[in-house]
Protein backbone atom coordinates (compact mmCIF):
# COMPACT_ATOMS: atom_id res chain seq x y z
CA MET A 1 -66.99 -12.00 -7.67
CA THR A 2 -65.11 -15.14 -8.47
CA SER A 3 -62.83 -16.41 -5.73
CA PRO A 4 -59.13 -17.08 -6.34
CA GLY A 5 -59.72 -20.75 -5.64
CA ASP A 6 -62.16 -21.16 -8.49
CA ALA A 7 -60.67 -23.47 -11.11
CA SER A 8 -62.64 -21.86 -13.98
CA LEU A 9 -61.53 -18.31 -14.69
CA PRO A 10 -62.51 -17.46 -18.26
CA TRP A 11 -61.76 -13.76 -17.72
CA ALA A 12 -58.23 -14.24 -16.33
CA ALA A 13 -55.12 -13.81 -18.41
CA PRO A 14 -52.90 -16.85 -19.02
CA ALA A 15 -50.25 -15.59 -16.59
CA GLN A 16 -52.85 -15.11 -13.86
CA ARG A 17 -54.17 -18.62 -14.42
CA ALA A 18 -50.67 -20.02 -14.13
CA VAL A 19 -50.04 -18.17 -10.84
CA THR A 20 -53.37 -19.37 -9.45
CA GLY A 21 -52.55 -22.95 -10.46
CA TRP A 22 -49.19 -22.74 -8.69
CA ARG A 23 -50.82 -21.54 -5.51
CA LEU A 24 -53.49 -24.23 -5.59
CA ALA A 25 -50.88 -26.93 -6.12
CA LEU A 26 -48.83 -25.57 -3.24
CA ARG A 27 -51.81 -25.56 -0.89
CA ALA A 28 -52.70 -29.11 -1.88
CA ARG A 29 -49.17 -30.29 -1.17
CA ASN A 30 -49.15 -28.56 2.22
CA ARG A 31 -52.46 -30.23 3.15
CA SER A 32 -51.14 -33.64 2.16
CA ARG A 33 -48.12 -33.10 4.45
CA GLY A 34 -50.26 -31.95 7.32
CA GLY A 35 -49.35 -28.30 6.96
CA SER A 36 -51.56 -25.27 7.25
CA ALA A 37 -54.07 -24.35 4.62
CA GLY A 38 -52.29 -21.15 3.70
CA ALA A 39 -48.61 -21.16 2.88
CA PRO A 40 -46.46 -18.41 4.36
CA GLU A 41 -45.47 -15.51 2.16
CA SER A 42 -41.87 -16.65 1.91
CA LEU A 43 -43.02 -20.00 0.45
CA VAL A 44 -45.63 -18.68 -1.98
CA ALA A 45 -44.61 -19.33 -5.53
CA GLY A 46 -44.92 -16.57 -8.03
CA PRO A 47 -43.55 -15.40 -11.32
CA ASP A 48 -40.58 -13.73 -9.57
CA ARG A 49 -39.92 -16.29 -6.85
CA GLY A 50 -40.26 -19.60 -8.62
CA LEU A 51 -41.51 -22.82 -7.10
CA ASP A 52 -41.10 -23.43 -3.41
CA ARG A 53 -38.27 -25.62 -2.20
CA ASP A 54 -38.28 -27.95 0.71
CA PRO A 55 -36.58 -26.26 3.68
CA ASP A 56 -34.94 -29.57 4.59
CA ARG A 57 -33.26 -29.68 1.19
CA ARG A 58 -31.78 -26.21 1.38
CA PRO A 59 -27.95 -26.16 1.35
CA ARG A 60 -26.36 -25.50 4.70
CA PRO A 61 -24.61 -22.14 4.96
CA ARG A 62 -20.87 -22.18 4.75
CA ALA A 63 -18.79 -21.59 7.82
CA MET A 64 -17.74 -17.97 7.95
CA GLY A 65 -15.45 -15.80 10.04
CA ARG A 66 -13.57 -17.34 12.92
CA THR A 67 -15.04 -20.81 12.37
CA ALA A 68 -13.68 -20.95 8.82
CA ARG A 69 -10.29 -19.73 9.95
CA ARG A 70 -10.14 -22.37 12.70
CA GLU A 71 -11.00 -25.09 10.20
CA THR A 72 -8.27 -23.81 7.86
CA ARG A 73 -5.72 -23.88 10.66
CA ARG A 74 -6.70 -27.42 11.57
CA ARG A 75 -6.28 -28.51 7.97
CA ALA A 76 -2.79 -26.94 7.61
CA PRO A 77 -0.23 -29.72 7.12
CA TRP A 78 2.80 -30.09 9.35
CA ALA A 79 5.00 -29.80 6.29
CA LEU A 80 4.06 -26.10 6.24
CA TRP A 81 3.86 -25.46 9.99
CA VAL A 82 7.43 -26.56 10.73
CA PRO A 83 9.34 -24.46 8.15
CA GLY A 84 6.99 -21.55 8.76
CA ALA A 85 7.72 -21.61 12.49
CA VAL A 86 11.45 -21.85 11.82
CA ALA A 87 11.29 -18.84 9.50
CA ALA A 88 9.33 -16.83 12.08
CA LEU A 89 11.84 -17.65 14.82
CA PHE A 90 14.72 -16.78 12.51
CA LEU A 91 13.22 -13.32 11.85
CA LEU A 92 12.17 -12.62 15.44
CA LEU A 93 15.18 -13.87 17.39
CA PRO A 94 17.49 -10.95 16.42
CA LEU A 95 14.83 -8.48 17.52
CA VAL A 96 14.34 -10.35 20.78
CA GLY A 97 18.09 -10.32 21.36
CA LEU A 98 18.15 -6.57 20.78
CA LEU A 99 15.38 -6.02 23.30
CA VAL A 100 16.90 -8.36 25.89
CA ARG A 101 20.37 -6.80 25.74
CA ALA A 102 19.10 -3.22 25.71
CA PRO A 103 20.33 -1.03 28.60
CA TRP A 104 16.87 0.06 29.68
CA SER A 105 18.05 1.79 32.86
CA GLY A 106 20.52 4.05 31.06
CA LEU A 107 18.55 4.39 27.85
CA PRO A 108 17.35 7.99 28.47
CA ASP A 109 20.89 9.21 29.10
CA LEU A 110 22.22 7.44 26.00
CA ILE A 111 19.53 8.85 23.74
CA THR A 112 20.02 12.40 25.03
CA LYS A 113 23.75 12.45 24.28
CA HIS A 114 24.86 15.25 21.97
CA SER A 115 26.24 12.91 19.32
CA VAL A 116 23.13 10.75 19.37
CA ARG A 117 20.76 13.71 19.16
CA GLU A 118 22.84 15.22 16.38
CA ALA A 119 22.74 12.02 14.33
CA LEU A 120 19.03 11.61 15.01
CA LEU A 121 18.13 15.14 13.92
CA LEU A 122 20.33 14.88 10.83
CA SER A 123 18.71 11.58 9.86
CA LEU A 124 15.20 12.98 10.28
CA GLU A 125 16.02 16.09 8.24
CA THR A 126 17.72 14.25 5.39
CA ALA A 127 15.09 11.50 5.23
CA THR A 128 12.32 14.08 5.09
CA ALA A 129 14.13 16.02 2.36
CA ALA A 130 14.71 12.82 0.37
CA THR A 131 11.02 11.93 0.67
CA ALA A 132 10.02 15.40 -0.53
CA LEU A 133 12.29 15.06 -3.57
CA SER A 134 10.86 11.61 -4.26
CA LEU A 135 7.32 12.99 -4.18
CA VAL A 136 8.13 15.90 -6.48
CA PHE A 137 9.91 13.81 -9.10
CA GLY A 138 8.64 10.28 -8.43
CA ILE A 139 4.90 10.88 -8.91
CA PRO A 140 5.32 12.37 -12.42
CA LEU A 141 7.67 9.52 -13.33
CA ALA A 142 5.15 6.95 -12.11
CA TRP A 143 2.42 8.66 -14.16
CA LEU A 144 4.57 8.58 -17.30
CA LEU A 145 5.30 4.88 -16.82
CA ALA A 146 1.66 4.02 -16.20
CA ARG A 147 -0.25 6.26 -18.63
CA THR A 148 2.01 6.92 -21.62
CA ARG A 149 3.54 4.81 -24.35
CA PHE A 150 6.98 5.64 -25.71
CA PRO A 151 9.96 3.69 -27.03
CA GLY A 152 12.04 2.16 -24.28
CA ARG A 153 9.36 2.36 -21.60
CA SER A 154 9.96 -1.19 -20.39
CA LEU A 155 13.69 -0.58 -20.21
CA LEU A 156 13.15 2.64 -18.27
CA ARG A 157 10.88 0.83 -15.81
CA ALA A 158 13.56 -1.81 -15.25
CA LEU A 159 16.23 0.85 -14.69
CA VAL A 160 14.01 2.79 -12.28
CA THR A 161 13.47 -0.28 -10.12
CA LEU A 162 17.14 -1.29 -10.31
CA PRO A 163 18.08 0.47 -7.00
CA LEU A 164 15.68 -1.90 -5.23
CA VAL A 165 17.99 -4.82 -5.90
CA LEU A 166 21.28 -3.00 -6.40
CA PRO A 167 23.73 -3.20 -3.46
CA PRO A 168 23.78 0.21 -1.74
CA VAL A 169 27.58 0.42 -1.93
CA VAL A 170 27.40 -0.05 -5.70
CA GLY A 171 24.84 2.72 -5.81
CA GLY A 172 27.20 4.99 -3.89
CA VAL A 173 30.02 4.25 -6.34
CA ALA A 174 27.69 5.00 -9.26
CA LEU A 175 26.73 8.32 -7.66
CA LEU A 176 30.40 9.21 -7.25
CA LEU A 177 31.10 8.48 -10.92
CA ALA A 178 28.11 10.57 -11.99
CA LEU A 179 27.96 13.44 -9.46
CA GLY A 180 31.48 13.44 -7.99
CA ARG A 181 33.97 16.20 -8.63
CA ARG A 182 35.34 14.22 -11.56
CA GLY A 183 32.01 12.66 -12.49
CA ILE A 184 30.08 13.04 -15.71
CA VAL A 185 27.75 15.71 -14.32
CA GLY A 186 29.49 16.62 -11.07
CA GLN A 187 32.54 18.04 -12.87
CA ARG A 188 30.31 20.44 -14.82
CA LEU A 189 28.48 21.47 -11.66
CA ASP A 190 31.78 22.21 -9.95
CA ASP A 191 33.28 24.13 -12.89
CA TRP A 192 30.25 26.15 -13.89
CA PHE A 193 28.35 26.70 -10.63
CA GLY A 194 30.81 25.77 -7.89
CA ILE A 195 28.42 23.10 -6.55
CA THR A 196 29.98 20.10 -4.84
CA LEU A 197 27.72 17.28 -3.73
CA PRO A 198 29.96 14.50 -2.35
CA PHE A 199 30.79 14.53 1.36
CA THR A 200 28.11 17.12 2.15
CA THR A 201 24.66 17.03 3.71
CA ALA A 202 23.20 17.50 0.23
CA GLY A 203 25.11 14.39 -0.80
CA VAL A 204 23.36 12.46 1.98
CA VAL A 205 19.99 13.60 0.62
CA ILE A 206 20.97 12.60 -2.92
CA ALA A 207 22.11 9.14 -1.80
CA GLN A 208 18.93 8.56 0.21
CA THR A 209 16.74 9.73 -2.66
CA PHE A 210 18.53 7.37 -5.07
CA VAL A 211 17.77 4.28 -2.99
CA ALA A 212 14.32 5.32 -1.68
CA MET A 213 12.52 6.83 -4.68
CA PRO A 214 11.83 3.46 -6.41
CA PHE A 215 9.58 2.44 -3.50
CA LEU A 216 7.34 5.43 -4.18
CA VAL A 217 7.42 4.98 -7.96
CA VAL A 218 6.43 1.31 -7.80
CA SER A 219 3.60 1.99 -5.36
CA VAL A 220 2.11 4.90 -7.31
CA GLU A 221 2.52 3.18 -10.68
CA GLY A 222 0.63 0.13 -9.47
CA ALA A 223 -2.16 2.36 -8.16
CA LEU A 224 -2.39 4.25 -11.46
CA ASN A 225 -2.56 1.00 -13.44
CA SER A 226 -5.45 -0.29 -11.34
CA ALA A 227 -7.37 2.98 -10.98
CA ASP A 228 -10.51 3.52 -13.04
CA ARG A 229 -9.72 5.86 -15.93
CA ARG A 230 -13.37 6.67 -16.60
CA PHE A 231 -13.24 9.45 -14.02
CA GLU A 232 -10.38 11.10 -15.87
CA ASP A 233 -12.26 10.73 -19.16
CA ALA A 234 -15.33 12.28 -17.57
CA ALA A 235 -13.27 15.21 -16.32
CA ALA A 236 -11.87 15.72 -19.83
CA THR A 237 -15.36 15.77 -21.33
CA LEU A 238 -16.34 18.43 -18.79
CA GLY A 239 -13.63 20.73 -20.07
CA ALA A 240 -10.76 19.99 -17.70
CA GLY A 241 -7.23 20.22 -19.04
CA PRO A 242 -4.56 17.55 -18.49
CA TRP A 243 -3.00 19.35 -15.51
CA THR A 244 -6.38 20.02 -13.87
CA THR A 245 -7.41 16.40 -14.38
CA PHE A 246 -4.16 15.20 -12.86
CA ARG A 247 -4.45 17.54 -9.88
CA ARG A 248 -8.17 17.24 -9.16
CA VAL A 249 -8.95 13.64 -10.22
CA THR A 250 -5.85 11.46 -10.61
CA VAL A 251 -4.04 12.47 -7.43
CA PRO A 252 -7.11 11.97 -5.17
CA LEU A 253 -7.66 8.55 -6.75
CA VAL A 254 -4.16 7.35 -5.86
CA ALA A 255 -3.71 9.39 -2.67
CA PRO A 256 -3.69 6.32 -0.35
CA ALA A 257 -0.97 4.67 -2.44
CA VAL A 258 1.02 7.91 -2.47
CA ALA A 259 0.84 8.06 1.32
CA ALA A 260 1.91 4.43 1.67
CA GLY A 261 4.74 4.86 -0.82
CA ALA A 262 5.92 8.02 0.93
CA ALA A 263 6.01 6.23 4.27
CA LEU A 264 8.06 3.38 2.81
CA CYS A 265 10.33 5.87 1.07
CA TRP A 266 10.93 7.79 4.30
CA ALA A 267 11.69 4.63 6.27
CA ARG A 268 14.10 3.41 3.59
CA ALA A 269 15.90 6.76 3.51
CA LEU A 270 16.16 6.80 7.28
CA GLY A 271 17.95 3.45 7.33
CA GLU A 272 20.27 3.99 4.37
CA PHE A 273 23.92 3.15 5.07
CA GLY A 274 25.96 1.88 2.12
CA ALA A 275 25.28 4.59 -0.46
CA THR A 276 25.56 7.30 2.20
CA ILE A 277 28.96 6.30 3.53
CA THR A 278 30.30 5.77 0.00
CA PHE A 279 29.04 8.99 -1.57
CA ALA A 280 28.79 11.37 1.41
CA GLY A 281 31.36 9.96 3.82
CA ASN A 282 31.18 10.02 7.60
CA PHE A 283 31.65 13.48 9.07
CA PRO A 284 30.00 14.10 12.47
CA GLY A 285 27.38 16.82 12.29
CA THR A 286 27.45 16.86 8.48
CA THR A 287 26.97 13.37 7.06
CA THR A 288 26.86 11.05 10.10
CA THR A 289 23.31 9.71 10.08
CA MET A 290 21.89 7.22 12.56
CA PRO A 291 22.99 4.03 10.72
CA LEU A 292 26.53 5.42 10.50
CA ALA A 293 26.42 6.38 14.17
CA VAL A 294 25.34 2.84 15.06
CA TYR A 295 28.27 1.43 13.08
CA LEU A 296 30.76 3.73 14.81
CA ALA A 297 29.29 3.25 18.29
CA LEU A 298 29.42 -0.51 17.92
CA GLU A 299 33.22 -0.31 18.00
CA THR A 300 33.52 2.03 21.01
CA ASP A 301 30.23 2.08 22.98
CA THR A 302 27.98 -0.94 22.57
CA ASP A 303 25.22 0.46 24.76
CA ALA A 304 24.97 3.59 22.60
CA ALA A 305 24.79 1.40 19.49
CA ILE A 306 21.94 -0.60 21.00
CA ALA A 307 20.13 2.58 22.00
CA LEU A 308 20.37 3.98 18.46
CA SER A 309 19.22 0.64 17.08
CA LEU A 310 16.17 0.73 19.34
CA VAL A 311 15.31 4.20 18.07
CA LEU A 312 15.47 3.00 14.47
CA LEU A 313 13.44 -0.09 15.40
CA ALA A 314 10.76 2.09 16.98
CA VAL A 315 10.57 4.25 13.87
CA CYS A 316 10.20 1.23 11.61
CA VAL A 317 7.45 -0.23 13.80
CA ALA A 318 5.63 3.11 13.71
CA VAL A 319 5.78 3.10 9.92
CA LEU A 320 4.38 -0.43 9.75
CA VAL A 321 1.55 0.53 12.09
CA ALA A 322 0.80 3.55 9.92
CA LEU A 323 0.54 1.30 6.87
CA ARG A 324 -2.14 -0.85 8.44
CA ALA A 325 -5.42 -1.07 6.55
CA ARG A 326 -7.26 0.88 9.24
CA TRP A 327 -5.05 3.92 8.53
CA PHE A 328 -4.83 3.67 4.72
CA PRO A 329 -7.70 1.38 3.66
CA GLY A 330 -7.40 2.39 0.01
CA ALA A 331 -3.70 1.70 -0.19
CA ARG A 332 -4.16 -1.99 0.53
CA ARG A 333 -6.82 -2.32 -2.16
CA LEU A 334 -4.71 -0.47 -4.70
CA LEU A 335 -1.61 -2.52 -4.00
CA ARG A 336 -3.70 -5.66 -4.49
CA GLY A 337 -4.74 -4.45 -7.91
CA ARG A 338 -8.16 -3.06 -7.07
CA ALA A 339 -9.41 0.36 -7.87
CA SER A 340 -9.75 2.84 -5.08
CA ARG A 341 -12.99 4.45 -4.07
CA PRO A 342 -14.15 6.78 -6.86
CA THR A 343 -13.75 10.49 -6.29
CA PRO A 344 -16.61 12.63 -7.61
CA VAL A 345 -15.72 15.32 -10.09
CA ALA A 346 -16.70 18.78 -8.97
CA VAL A 347 -18.39 20.72 -11.76
CA GLY A 348 -18.26 24.47 -11.80
CA PRO A 349 -20.96 26.91 -12.94
CA GLU A 350 -19.64 26.87 -16.52
CA GLY A 351 -19.64 23.12 -16.87
CA GLY A 352 -15.94 22.62 -16.14
CA LEU A 353 -14.23 21.54 -13.00
CA GLY A 354 -14.89 23.68 -9.97
């Protein structure tokens, strides 16, 4: 049998002769450099690996992880460090002042006061109700803005996001003109059904929903725009109807963004002040939420105002912690414009969705 080192191989195919020539040339080069007679497997050239490269000429790996971050910090210019530090101090100093001036010794007694507990419970109830309304009506609105085409869609999107930049007091005035007793719709509700929304607990929920729902709509719409629509198309080809596809495929795809948007919506509703006091007034036990209680306590009892502010601060911090990537990893990807992890479509025995 002819050895692989034989230079004359009349029976070998052209590709085999080329591979044998590469190996012989590699061995000859290793011998001339004082290397071993046989090259290691990682350096053997072949049709799939190409010619061997000199290990000394290989590019050095890039710095990764903490080393790269340290180099980036060292390269940051002072022109960015100085204004960045000033901005951080500007944002943190009020919070530090709140913590320093807090009456920690009497904090339990202040929080357990009847007026404080009443305002806290009312705020939690109304914020939760406003979030529920935002979920029921905001998710379909976000789907319409993201997946349908109709005249005036861009204008509707701009109007939906308008409460994000509209002053809350202006929003309260607009609600009064629309849903008040003499408003466009409120007058009909009062005459036909005897329903009065202003200066009631329901009015608080309406005001909070008005200012908080855009947060949910923007979050879910961005997730729908970046989600992969092939899964919905696959569900349709398997016999699923539009409602089944939305319920079994679309909602699981954007569930992390829905959770993040709901958390932001709840936090925004909990801290609403301007629209609430304008549209619902300030009646203890009925419309006095925690922001209104802080405003009133600041004039009579500063310690109680600080205690209520600390409660609101703790709630906001809890929401931010809940929005961390470790809790909602898909939400961060969706908000950055990436598609979430695909959800498999369950197929039933008849070929449709199970």
